[in-house]
Amino acid sequence: MTWPANVQPSRRHVFLVETDQGPDVLLRVLGPFALMGARIVGLGLTPGEGRQDLRIEVDLEPDAAGQIGRRLDAMPAVRGVGLGWVIPA
């Protein structure tokens, strides 16, 4: 028997999130991933003028990815959300 944590996904979801800058925005953006049990395998932050761009790569189910995307899009500090996927190397 294999546990879900031991199963290697065939693809990873990638979220591209543009947010306002603020002292707690990053923590707020990462909250829905923790609530949905996502395993973050990559995180990148690029600061801009009055904004920050996040690239978050996660292992999780497709339905959960859609739910996280909708939660992020509803956040006041989030300017935009993009969702895609990559095949792990």
Protein backbone atom coordinates (compact mmCIF):
# COMPACT_ATOMS: atom_id res chain seq x y z
CA MET A 1 0.00 0.00 0.00
CA THR A 2 1.30 3.47 -0.80
CA TRP A 3 0.35 6.61 1.01
CA PRO A 4 -0.69 9.68 -0.99
CA ALA A 5 2.46 11.46 0.17
CA ASN A 6 4.57 8.72 -1.45
CA VAL A 7 2.88 8.87 -4.85
CA GLN A 8 4.79 10.96 -7.37
CA PRO A 9 2.43 13.22 -9.33
CA SER A 10 2.60 13.16 -13.11
CA ARG A 11 2.51 16.97 -13.14
CA ARG A 12 2.80 19.90 -10.76
CA HIS A 13 0.58 22.93 -10.63
CA VAL A 14 2.16 26.36 -10.94
CA PHE A 15 0.46 29.49 -9.64
CA LEU A 16 1.60 32.90 -10.86
CA VAL A 17 0.26 35.51 -8.45
CA GLU A 18 0.67 39.28 -8.65
CA THR A 19 0.03 41.02 -5.34
CA ASP A 20 0.31 44.38 -3.65
CA GLN A 21 3.31 44.80 -1.39
CA GLY A 22 2.60 44.57 2.31
CA PRO A 23 4.02 43.18 5.52
CA ASP A 24 1.74 40.12 5.61
CA VAL A 25 0.70 39.58 1.99
CA LEU A 26 2.99 36.58 1.43
CA LEU A 27 1.61 34.79 4.50
CA ARG A 28 -1.96 35.49 3.41
CA VAL A 29 -1.29 34.14 -0.08
CA LEU A 30 0.28 30.95 1.27
CA GLY A 31 -2.64 30.32 3.66
CA PRO A 32 -4.98 28.59 1.16
CA PHE A 33 -2.20 26.17 0.17
CA ALA A 34 -1.84 25.04 3.80
CA LEU A 35 -5.60 24.74 4.22
CA MET A 36 -5.89 22.49 1.15
CA GLY A 37 -2.93 20.31 2.17
CA ALA A 38 -0.77 21.30 -0.80
CA ARG A 39 2.92 20.45 -0.74
CA ILE A 40 4.85 23.51 -1.94
CA VAL A 41 7.91 22.35 -3.88
CA GLY A 42 8.99 25.69 -5.31
CA LEU A 43 8.53 29.33 -4.37
CA GLY A 44 9.85 32.44 -6.07
CA LEU A 45 9.25 36.10 -5.30
CA THR A 46 10.15 39.00 -7.54
CA PRO A 47 9.59 42.46 -6.06
CA GLY A 48 8.34 45.20 -8.34
CA GLU A 49 7.36 48.81 -7.97
CA GLY A 50 4.42 48.70 -5.53
CA ARG A 51 3.81 45.03 -6.23
CA GLN A 52 5.37 41.58 -5.98
CA ASP A 53 5.15 38.60 -8.32
CA LEU A 54 5.01 35.11 -6.86
CA ARG A 55 5.61 31.78 -8.56
CA ILE A 56 4.37 28.90 -6.44
CA GLU A 57 4.85 25.29 -7.60
CA VAL A 58 2.83 22.66 -5.74
CA ASP A 59 1.84 19.00 -5.68
CA LEU A 60 -1.92 18.63 -5.29
CA GLU A 61 -5.08 17.39 -6.95
CA PRO A 62 -6.55 19.34 -9.91
CA ASP A 63 -9.81 20.10 -8.05
CA ALA A 64 -7.88 21.55 -5.13
CA ALA A 65 -5.83 23.70 -7.52
CA GLY A 66 -9.00 25.30 -8.86
CA GLN A 67 -10.27 25.98 -5.36
CA ILE A 68 -6.99 27.59 -4.33
CA GLY A 69 -7.03 29.73 -7.47
CA ARG A 70 -10.52 31.01 -6.68
CA ARG A 71 -9.55 31.75 -3.06
CA LEU A 72 -6.49 33.68 -4.17
CA ASP A 73 -8.45 35.65 -6.74
CA ALA A 74 -10.90 36.74 -4.04
CA MET A 75 -8.18 38.24 -1.83
CA PRO A 76 -8.11 42.06 -1.78
CA ALA A 77 -4.29 42.24 -2.00
CA VAL A 78 -4.15 39.94 -5.05
CA ARG A 79 -4.11 41.72 -8.41
CA GLY A 80 -4.13 38.62 -10.61
CA VAL A 81 -3.78 34.82 -10.60
CA GLY A 82 -2.55 32.50 -13.31
CA LEU A 83 -2.67 28.71 -13.05
CA GLY A 84 -0.77 26.19 -15.16
CA TRP A 85 1.23 23.02 -14.76
CA VAL A 86 4.66 21.57 -15.45
CA ILE A 87 5.94 18.02 -15.69
CA PRO A 88 8.47 17.34 -12.89
CA ALA A 89 12.00 16.57 -14.00
